[in-house]
Amino acid sequence: MMLPFALLILLLMFAWVSFLDFPWSWVNYLVLGIEATAAIFVLIIEYEGMRTQGAAGWTSFSFVGGSLYFAFVLFLARLMVWGYFKFIV
């Protein structure tokens, strides 16, 4: 159940980084690597959480929140790079 959700988040993050259009191609690979690693950890934790009784599933909410925070940090980084190339160089 969590797999399509994690893949959707990965796809949206890739679209966001592509939209930000960093001047270096390694940023795309780095962001996708970080997001894929986080998604794998979340999927492992959620799979193990299916066996327990109680409040399972909070990891997926933190994954979404962390991805949104990471997207905002990437936006700020791109804004700083744009400002550097626009006003300093």
PDB file of N, CA and C in Angstrom:
ATOM      1  N   MET A   1       0.815  -1.195   0.000  1.00  0.00           N
ATOM      2  CA  MET A   1       0.000   0.000   0.000  1.00  0.00           C
ATOM      3  C   MET A   1       0.862   1.266   0.000  1.00  0.00           C
ATOM      4  N   MET A   2       1.995   1.181   0.642  1.00  0.00           N
ATOM      5  CA  MET A   2       2.871   2.341   0.745  1.00  0.00           C
ATOM      6  C   MET A   2       3.735   2.531  -0.498  1.00  0.00           C
ATOM      7  N   LEU A   3       3.953   1.473  -1.266  1.00  0.00           N
ATOM      8  CA  LEU A   3       4.850   1.552  -2.419  1.00  0.00           C
ATOM      9  C   LEU A   3       4.395   2.560  -3.470  1.00  0.00           C
ATOM     10  N   PRO A   4       3.131   2.566  -3.906  1.00  0.00           N
ATOM     11  CA  PRO A   4       2.737   3.586  -4.894  1.00  0.00           C
ATOM     12  C   PRO A   4       2.863   5.008  -4.340  1.00  0.00           C
ATOM     13  N   PHE A   5       2.601   5.159  -3.052  1.00  0.00           N
ATOM     14  CA  PHE A   5       2.716   6.465  -2.424  1.00  0.00           C
ATOM     15  C   PHE A   5       4.168   6.942  -2.422  1.00  0.00           C
ATOM     16  N   ALA A   6       5.094   6.058  -2.077  1.00  0.00           N
ATOM     17  CA  ALA A   6       6.517   6.419  -2.068  1.00  0.00           C
ATOM     18  C   ALA A   6       7.009   6.724  -3.480  1.00  0.00           C
ATOM     19  N   LEU A   7       6.551   5.964  -4.448  1.00  0.00           N
ATOM     20  CA  LEU A   7       6.946   6.227  -5.832  1.00  0.00           C
ATOM     21  C   LEU A   7       6.391   7.561  -6.328  1.00  0.00           C
ATOM     22  N   LEU A   8       5.190   7.906  -5.893  1.00  0.00           N
ATOM     23  CA  LEU A   8       4.615   9.196  -6.256  1.00  0.00           C
ATOM     24  C   LEU A   8       5.434  10.341  -5.670  1.00  0.00           C
ATOM     25  N   ILE A   9       5.853  10.199  -4.417  1.00  0.00           N
ATOM     26  CA  ILE A   9       6.680  11.225  -3.790  1.00  0.00           C
ATOM     27  C   ILE A   9       8.015  11.353  -4.525  1.00  0.00           C
ATOM     28  N   LEU A  10       8.616  10.219  -4.892  1.00  0.00           N
ATOM     29  CA  LEU A  10       9.874  10.255  -5.647  1.00  0.00           C
ATOM     30  C   LEU A  10       9.695  10.954  -6.996  1.00  0.00           C
ATOM     31  N   LEU A  11       8.613  10.657  -7.671  1.00  0.00           N
ATOM     32  CA  LEU A  11       8.338  11.266  -8.969  1.00  0.00           C
ATOM     33  C   LEU A  11       8.111  12.772  -8.835  1.00  0.00           C
ATOM     34  N   LEU A  12       7.367  13.174  -7.812  1.00  0.00           N
ATOM     35  CA  LEU A  12       7.135  14.601  -7.596  1.00  0.00           C
ATOM     36  C   LEU A  12       8.422  15.340  -7.239  1.00  0.00           C
ATOM     37  N   MET A  13       9.285  14.691  -6.456  1.00  0.00           N
ATOM     38  CA  MET A  13      10.552  15.325  -6.108  1.00  0.00           C
ATOM     39  C   MET A  13      11.448  15.461  -7.342  1.00  0.00           C
ATOM     40  N   PHE A  14      11.457  14.447  -8.195  1.00  0.00           N
ATOM     41  CA  PHE A  14      12.231  14.543  -9.430  1.00  0.00           C
ATOM     42  C   PHE A  14      11.697  15.669 -10.316  1.00  0.00           C
ATOM     43  N   ALA A  15      10.378  15.793 -10.399  1.00  0.00           N
ATOM     44  CA  ALA A  15       9.790  16.874 -11.195  1.00  0.00           C
ATOM     45  C   ALA A  15      10.142  18.234 -10.602  1.00  0.00           C
ATOM     46  N   TRP A  16      10.157  18.337  -9.265  1.00  0.00           N
ATOM     47  CA  TRP A  16      10.484  19.607  -8.613  1.00  0.00           C
ATOM     48  C   TRP A  16      11.933  20.003  -8.871  1.00  0.00           C
ATOM     49  N   VAL A  17      12.856  19.035  -8.758  1.00  0.00           N
ATOM     50  CA  VAL A  17      14.273  19.331  -8.995  1.00  0.00           C
ATOM     51  C   VAL A  17      14.505  19.662 -10.463  1.00  0.00           C
ATOM     52  N   SER A  18      13.795  18.998 -11.350  1.00  0.00           N
ATOM     53  CA  SER A  18      13.910  19.325 -12.772  1.00  0.00           C
ATOM     54  C   SER A  18      13.375  20.724 -13.054  1.00  0.00           C
ATOM     55  N   PHE A  19      12.305  21.105 -12.357  1.00  0.00           N
ATOM     56  CA  PHE A  19      11.743  22.448 -12.519  1.00  0.00           C
ATOM     57  C   PHE A  19      12.699  23.518 -11.993  1.00  0.00           C
ATOM     58  N   LEU A  20      13.375  23.226 -10.881  1.00  0.00           N
ATOM     59  CA  LEU A  20      14.314  24.197 -10.317  1.00  0.00           C
ATOM     60  C   LEU A  20      15.519  24.412 -11.223  1.00  0.00           C
ATOM     61  N   ASP A  21      15.889  23.408 -12.005  1.00  0.00           N
ATOM     62  CA  ASP A  21      16.927  23.519 -13.034  1.00  0.00           C
ATOM     63  C   ASP A  21      18.249  24.037 -12.471  1.00  0.00           C
ATOM     64  N   PHE A  22      18.834  23.233 -11.586  1.00  0.00           N
ATOM     65  CA  PHE A  22      20.149  23.575 -11.058  1.00  0.00           C
ATOM     66  C   PHE A  22      21.176  23.542 -12.185  1.00  0.00           C
ATOM     67  N   PRO A  23      22.211  24.399 -12.098  1.00  0.00           N
ATOM     68  CA  PRO A  23      23.196  24.422 -13.179  1.00  0.00           C
ATOM     69  C   PRO A  23      24.138  23.216 -13.186  1.00  0.00           C
ATOM     70  N   TRP A  24      24.067  22.361 -12.191  1.00  0.00           N
ATOM     71  CA  TRP A  24      24.909  21.169 -12.115  1.00  0.00           C
ATOM     72  C   TRP A  24      24.028  19.928 -12.170  1.00  0.00           C
ATOM     73  N   SER A  25      24.410  18.973 -12.993  1.00  0.00           N
ATOM     74  CA  SER A  25      23.588  17.769 -13.140  1.00  0.00           C
ATOM     75  C   SER A  25      23.708  16.833 -11.939  1.00  0.00           C
ATOM     76  N   TRP A  26      24.787  16.929 -11.166  1.00  0.00           N
ATOM     77  CA  TRP A  26      24.949  16.025 -10.034  1.00  0.00           C
ATOM     78  C   TRP A  26      23.931  16.285  -8.940  1.00  0.00           C
ATOM     79  N   VAL A  27      23.322  17.467  -8.929  1.00  0.00           N
ATOM     80  CA  VAL A  27      22.300  17.761  -7.914  1.00  0.00           C
ATOM     81  C   VAL A  27      21.090  16.851  -8.115  1.00  0.00           C
ATOM     82  N   ASN A  28      20.712  16.613  -9.362  1.00  0.00           N
ATOM     83  CA  ASN A  28      19.584  15.717  -9.637  1.00  0.00           C
ATOM     84  C   ASN A  28      19.851  14.320  -9.104  1.00  0.00           C
ATOM     85  N   TYR A  29      21.039  13.816  -9.362  1.00  0.00           N
ATOM     86  CA  TYR A  29      21.382  12.473  -8.902  1.00  0.00           C
ATOM     87  C   TYR A  29      21.461  12.402  -7.379  1.00  0.00           C
ATOM     88  N   LEU A  30      21.996  13.442  -6.769  1.00  0.00           N
ATOM     89  CA  LEU A  30      22.107  13.468  -5.323  1.00  0.00           C
ATOM     90  C   LEU A  30      20.727  13.474  -4.663  1.00  0.00           C
ATOM     91  N   VAL A  31      19.841  14.319  -5.149  1.00  0.00           N
ATOM     92  CA  VAL A  31      18.495  14.409  -4.575  1.00  0.00           C
ATOM     93  C   VAL A  31      17.740  13.095  -4.767  1.00  0.00           C
ATOM     94  N   LEU A  32      17.822  12.521  -5.953  1.00  0.00           N
ATOM     95  CA  LEU A  32      17.133  11.248  -6.182  1.00  0.00           C
ATOM     96  C   LEU A  32      17.722  10.132  -5.328  1.00  0.00           C
ATOM     97  N   GLY A  33      19.024  10.145  -5.119  1.00  0.00           N
ATOM     98  CA  GLY A  33      19.638   9.145  -4.260  1.00  0.00           C
ATOM     99  C   GLY A  33      19.186   9.275  -2.815  1.00  0.00           C
ATOM    100  N   ILE A  34      19.130  10.495  -2.322  1.00  0.00           N
ATOM    101  CA  ILE A  34      18.672  10.726  -0.946  1.00  0.00           C
ATOM    102  C   ILE A  34      17.218  10.325  -0.792  1.00  0.00           C
ATOM    103  N   GLU A  35      16.384  10.726  -1.731  1.00  0.00           N
ATOM    104  CA  GLU A  35      14.958  10.393  -1.648  1.00  0.00           C
ATOM    105  C   GLU A  35      14.715   8.890  -1.785  1.00  0.00           C
ATOM    106  N   ALA A  36      15.442   8.237  -2.684  1.00  0.00           N
ATOM    107  CA  ALA A  36      15.264   6.791  -2.855  1.00  0.00           C
ATOM    108  C   ALA A  36      15.713   6.040  -1.608  1.00  0.00           C
ATOM    109  N   THR A  37      16.819   6.467  -1.001  1.00  0.00           N
ATOM    110  CA  THR A  37      17.276   5.833   0.230  1.00  0.00           C
ATOM    111  C   THR A  37      16.269   6.024   1.349  1.00  0.00           C
ATOM    112  N   ALA A  38      15.729   7.223   1.472  1.00  0.00           N
ATOM    113  CA  ALA A  38      14.715   7.482   2.498  1.00  0.00           C
ATOM    114  C   ALA A  38      13.454   6.645   2.248  1.00  0.00           C
ATOM    115  N   ALA A  39      13.061   6.535   0.979  1.00  0.00           N
ATOM    116  CA  ALA A  39      11.868   5.740   0.659  1.00  0.00           C
ATOM    117  C   ALA A  39      12.082   4.264   0.972  1.00  0.00           C
ATOM    118  N   ILE A  40      13.279   3.764   0.708  1.00  0.00           N
ATOM    119  CA  ILE A  40      13.562   2.358   1.027  1.00  0.00           C
ATOM    120  C   ILE A  40      13.484   2.129   2.528  1.00  0.00           C
ATOM    121  N   PHE A  41      14.070   3.035   3.313  1.00  0.00           N
ATOM    122  CA  PHE A  41      13.984   2.894   4.764  1.00  0.00           C
ATOM    123  C   PHE A  41      12.547   2.967   5.252  1.00  0.00           C
ATOM    124  N   VAL A  42      11.763   3.866   4.691  1.00  0.00           N
ATOM    125  CA  VAL A  42      10.355   3.990   5.097  1.00  0.00           C
ATOM    126  C   VAL A  42       9.582   2.730   4.733  1.00  0.00           C
ATOM    127  N   LEU A  43       9.827   2.190   3.554  1.00  0.00           N
ATOM    128  CA  LEU A  43       9.138   0.966   3.160  1.00  0.00           C
ATOM    129  C   LEU A  43       9.499  -0.208   4.062  1.00  0.00           C
ATOM    130  N   ILE A  44      10.755  -0.302   4.456  1.00  0.00           N
ATOM    131  CA  ILE A  44      11.167  -1.370   5.372  1.00  0.00           C
ATOM    132  C   ILE A  44      10.494  -1.197   6.731  1.00  0.00           C
ATOM    133  N   ILE A  45      10.486   0.007   7.240  1.00  0.00           N
ATOM    134  CA  ILE A  45       9.866   0.265   8.542  1.00  0.00           C
ATOM    135  C   ILE A  45       8.361   0.024   8.490  1.00  0.00           C
ATOM    136  N   GLU A  46       7.710   0.454   7.432  1.00  0.00           N
ATOM    137  CA  GLU A  46       6.266   0.250   7.310  1.00  0.00           C
ATOM    138  C   GLU A  46       5.923  -1.235   7.158  1.00  0.00           C
ATOM    139  N   TYR A  47       6.777  -1.981   6.473  1.00  0.00           N
ATOM    140  CA  TYR A  47       6.533  -3.412   6.330  1.00  0.00           C
ATOM    141  C   TYR A  47       6.634  -4.108   7.679  1.00  0.00           C
ATOM    142  N   GLU A  48       7.634  -3.726   8.453  1.00  0.00           N
ATOM    143  CA  GLU A  48       7.768  -4.306   9.797  1.00  0.00           C
ATOM    144  C   GLU A  48       6.650  -3.823  10.710  1.00  0.00           C
ATOM    145  N   GLY A  49       6.153  -2.619  10.485  1.00  0.00           N
ATOM    146  CA  GLY A  49       5.082  -2.069  11.303  1.00  0.00           C
ATOM    147  C   GLY A  49       3.733  -2.716  11.058  1.00  0.00           C
ATOM    148  N   MET A  50       3.585  -3.428   9.944  1.00  0.00           N
ATOM    149  CA  MET A  50       2.314  -4.116   9.674  1.00  0.00           C
ATOM    150  C   MET A  50       2.072  -5.236  10.670  1.00  0.00           C
ATOM    151  N   ARG A  51       3.127  -5.744  11.276  1.00  0.00           N
ATOM    152  CA  ARG A  51       2.998  -6.862  12.209  1.00  0.00           C
ATOM    153  C   ARG A  51       2.622  -6.431  13.617  1.00  0.00           C
ATOM    154  N   THR A  52       2.707  -5.160  13.918  1.00  0.00           N
ATOM    155  CA  THR A  52       2.445  -4.689  15.271  1.00  0.00           C
ATOM    156  C   THR A  52       1.037  -4.147  15.389  1.00  0.00           C
ATOM    157  N   GLN A  53       0.538  -4.158  16.595  1.00  0.00           N
ATOM    158  CA  GLN A  53      -0.763  -3.558  16.889  1.00  0.00           C
ATOM    159  C   GLN A  53      -0.542  -2.118  17.341  1.00  0.00           C
ATOM    160  N   GLY A  54      -1.456  -1.259  17.031  1.00  0.00           N
ATOM    161  CA  GLY A  54      -1.342   0.118  17.506  1.00  0.00           C
ATOM    162  C   GLY A  54      -1.120   1.107  16.383  1.00  0.00           C
ATOM    163  N   ALA A  55      -0.435   2.161  16.737  1.00  0.00           N
ATOM    164  CA  ALA A  55      -0.269   3.292  15.830  1.00  0.00           C
ATOM    165  C   ALA A  55       0.905   3.054  14.888  1.00  0.00           C
ATOM    166  N   ALA A  56       0.663   2.359  13.823  1.00  0.00           N
ATOM    167  CA  ALA A  56       1.670   2.202  12.772  1.00  0.00           C
ATOM    168  C   ALA A  56       1.317   3.155  11.641  1.00  0.00           C
ATOM    169  N   GLY A  57       2.282   3.550  10.880  1.00  0.00           N
ATOM    170  CA  GLY A  57       2.021   4.424   9.747  1.00  0.00           C
ATOM    171  C   GLY A  57       2.488   5.846   9.933  1.00  0.00           C
ATOM    172  N   TRP A  58       3.040   6.166  11.090  1.00  0.00           N
ATOM    173  CA  TRP A  58       3.516   7.524  11.299  1.00  0.00           C
ATOM    174  C   TRP A  58       4.785   7.806  10.511  1.00  0.00           C
ATOM    175  N   THR A  59       5.480   6.769  10.132  1.00  0.00           N
ATOM    176  CA  THR A  59       6.703   6.954   9.360  1.00  0.00           C
ATOM    177  C   THR A  59       6.400   7.548   7.989  1.00  0.00           C
ATOM    178  N   SER A  60       5.281   7.162   7.405  1.00  0.00           N
ATOM    179  CA  SER A  60       4.926   7.705   6.095  1.00  0.00           C
ATOM    180  C   SER A  60       4.613   9.193   6.186  1.00  0.00           C
ATOM    181  N   PHE A  61       4.001   9.618   7.289  1.00  0.00           N
ATOM    182  CA  PHE A  61       3.747  11.050   7.458  1.00  0.00           C
ATOM    183  C   PHE A  61       5.050  11.822   7.625  1.00  0.00           C
ATOM    184  N   SER A  62       5.991  11.252   8.354  1.00  0.00           N
ATOM    185  CA  SER A  62       7.275  11.936   8.502  1.00  0.00           C
ATOM    186  C   SER A  62       8.048  11.941   7.190  1.00  0.00           C
ATOM    187  N   PHE A  63       7.874  10.905   6.358  1.00  0.00           N
ATOM    188  CA  PHE A  63       8.505  10.881   5.043  1.00  0.00           C
ATOM    189  C   PHE A  63       7.968  12.009   4.166  1.00  0.00           C
ATOM    190  N   VAL A  64       6.671  12.209   4.193  1.00  0.00           N
ATOM    191  CA  VAL A  64       6.074  13.297   3.408  1.00  0.00           C
ATOM    192  C   VAL A  64       6.527  14.650   3.944  1.00  0.00           C
ATOM    193  N   GLY A  65       6.497  14.808   5.262  1.00  0.00           N
ATOM    194  CA  GLY A  65       6.939  16.068   5.859  1.00  0.00           C
ATOM    195  C   GLY A  65       8.402  16.342   5.583  1.00  0.00           C
ATOM    196  N   GLY A  66       9.229  15.313   5.680  1.00  0.00           N
ATOM    197  CA  GLY A  66      10.651  15.480   5.380  1.00  0.00           C
ATOM    198  C   GLY A  66      10.894  15.815   3.927  1.00  0.00           C
ATOM    199  N   SER A  67      10.109  15.212   3.042  1.00  0.00           N
ATOM    200  CA  SER A  67      10.255  15.513   1.611  1.00  0.00           C
ATOM    201  C   SER A  67       9.830  16.949   1.306  1.00  0.00           C
ATOM    202  N   LEU A  68       8.776  17.413   1.951  1.00  0.00           N
ATOM    203  CA  LEU A  68       8.357  18.804   1.752  1.00  0.00           C
ATOM    204  C   LEU A  68       9.408  19.776   2.290  1.00  0.00           C
ATOM    205  N   TYR A  69       9.960  19.461   3.438  1.00  0.00           N
ATOM    206  CA  TYR A  69      11.020  20.302   4.001  1.00  0.00           C
ATOM    207  C   TYR A  69      12.238  20.302   3.084  1.00  0.00           C
ATOM    208  N   PHE A  70      12.619  19.144   2.570  1.00  0.00           N
ATOM    209  CA  PHE A  70      13.755  19.023   1.663  1.00  0.00           C
ATOM    210  C   PHE A  70      13.495  19.811   0.376  1.00  0.00           C
ATOM    211  N   ALA A  71      12.263  19.779  -0.129  1.00  0.00           N
ATOM    212  CA  ALA A  71      11.913  20.540  -1.331  1.00  0.00           C
ATOM    213  C   ALA A  71      12.036  22.040  -1.071  1.00  0.00           C
ATOM    214  N   PHE A  72      11.639  22.488   0.121  1.00  0.00           N
ATOM    215  CA  PHE A  72      11.766  23.899   0.458  1.00  0.00           C
ATOM    216  C   PHE A  72      13.230  24.308   0.577  1.00  0.00           C
ATOM    217  N   VAL A  73      14.055  23.457   1.178  1.00  0.00           N
ATOM    218  CA  VAL A  73      15.493  23.741   1.298  1.00  0.00           C
ATOM    219  C   VAL A  73      16.132  23.795  -0.093  1.00  0.00           C
ATOM    220  N   LEU A  74      15.712  22.896  -0.989  1.00  0.00           N
ATOM    221  CA  LEU A  74      16.226  22.941  -2.359  1.00  0.00           C
ATOM    222  C   LEU A  74      15.824  24.233  -3.059  1.00  0.00           C
ATOM    223  N   PHE A  75      14.610  24.696  -2.820  1.00  0.00           N
ATOM    224  CA  PHE A  75      14.167  25.966  -3.396  1.00  0.00           C
ATOM    225  C   PHE A  75      15.031  27.121  -2.890  1.00  0.00           C
ATOM    226  N   LEU A  76      15.301  27.135  -1.583  1.00  0.00           N
ATOM    227  CA  LEU A  76      16.154  28.187  -1.042  1.00  0.00           C
ATOM    228  C   LEU A  76      17.568  28.108  -1.594  1.00  0.00           C
ATOM    229  N   ALA A  77      18.084  26.891  -1.756  1.00  0.00           N
ATOM    230  CA  ALA A  77      19.421  26.730  -2.331  1.00  0.00           C
ATOM    231  C   ALA A  77      19.454  27.229  -3.771  1.00  0.00           C
ATOM    232  N   ARG A  78      18.419  26.929  -4.530  1.00  0.00           N
ATOM    233  CA  ARG A  78      18.369  27.392  -5.924  1.00  0.00           C
ATOM    234  C   ARG A  78      18.257  28.908  -5.980  1.00  0.00           C
ATOM    235  N   LEU A  79      17.523  29.484  -5.053  1.00  0.00           N
ATOM    236  CA  LEU A  79      17.400  30.930  -4.989  1.00  0.00           C
ATOM    237  C   LEU A  79      18.748  31.579  -4.679  1.00  0.00           C
ATOM    238  N   MET A  80      19.516  30.961  -3.782  1.00  0.00           N
ATOM    239  CA  MET A  80      20.845  31.476  -3.469  1.00  0.00           C
ATOM    240  C   MET A  80      21.791  31.336  -4.658  1.00  0.00           C
ATOM    241  N   VAL A  81      21.710  30.225  -5.385  1.00  0.00           N
ATOM    242  CA  VAL A  81      22.552  30.033  -6.569  1.00  0.00           C
ATOM    243  C   VAL A  81      22.186  31.051  -7.638  1.00  0.00           C
ATOM    244  N   TRP A  82      20.896  31.282  -7.828  1.00  0.00           N
ATOM    245  CA  TRP A  82      20.453  32.278  -8.801  1.00  0.00           C
ATOM    246  C   TRP A  82      20.971  33.669  -8.422  1.00  0.00           C
ATOM    247  N   GLY A  83      20.860  34.019  -7.149  1.00  0.00           N
ATOM    248  CA  GLY A  83      21.345  35.315  -6.695  1.00  0.00           C
ATOM    249  C   GLY A  83      22.844  35.467  -6.862  1.00  0.00           C
ATOM    250  N   TYR A  84      23.564  34.375  -6.625  1.00  0.00           N
ATOM    251  CA  TYR A  84      25.015  34.415  -6.794  1.00  0.00           C
ATOM    252  C   TYR A  84      25.383  34.672  -8.251  1.00  0.00           C
ATOM    253  N   PHE A  85      24.760  33.936  -9.161  1.00  0.00           N
ATOM    254  CA  PHE A  85      25.081  34.107 -10.576  1.00  0.00           C
ATOM    255  C   PHE A  85      24.539  35.425 -11.139  1.00  0.00           C
ATOM    256  N   LYS A  86      23.467  35.928 -10.581  1.00  0.00           N
ATOM    257  CA  LYS A  86      22.851  37.156 -11.082  1.00  0.00           C
ATOM    258  C   LYS A  86      23.605  38.391 -10.601  1.00  0.00           C
ATOM    259  N   PHE A  87      23.996  38.424  -9.331  1.00  0.00           N
ATOM    260  CA  PHE A  87      24.529  39.657  -8.760  1.00  0.00           C
ATOM    261  C   PHE A  87      26.027  39.641  -8.468  1.00  0.00           C
ATOM    262  N   ILE A  88      26.607  38.476  -8.297  1.00  0.00           N
ATOM    263  CA  ILE A  88      28.030  38.427  -7.917  1.00  0.00           C
ATOM    264  C   ILE A  88      28.918  38.085  -9.106  1.00  0.00           C
ATOM    265  N   VAL A  89      28.531  37.129  -9.892  1.00  0.00           N
ATOM    266  CA  VAL A  89      29.383  36.715 -11.017  1.00  0.00           C
ATOM    267  C   VAL A  89      29.131  37.551 -12.233  1.00  0.00           C
TER     268      VAL A  89
END
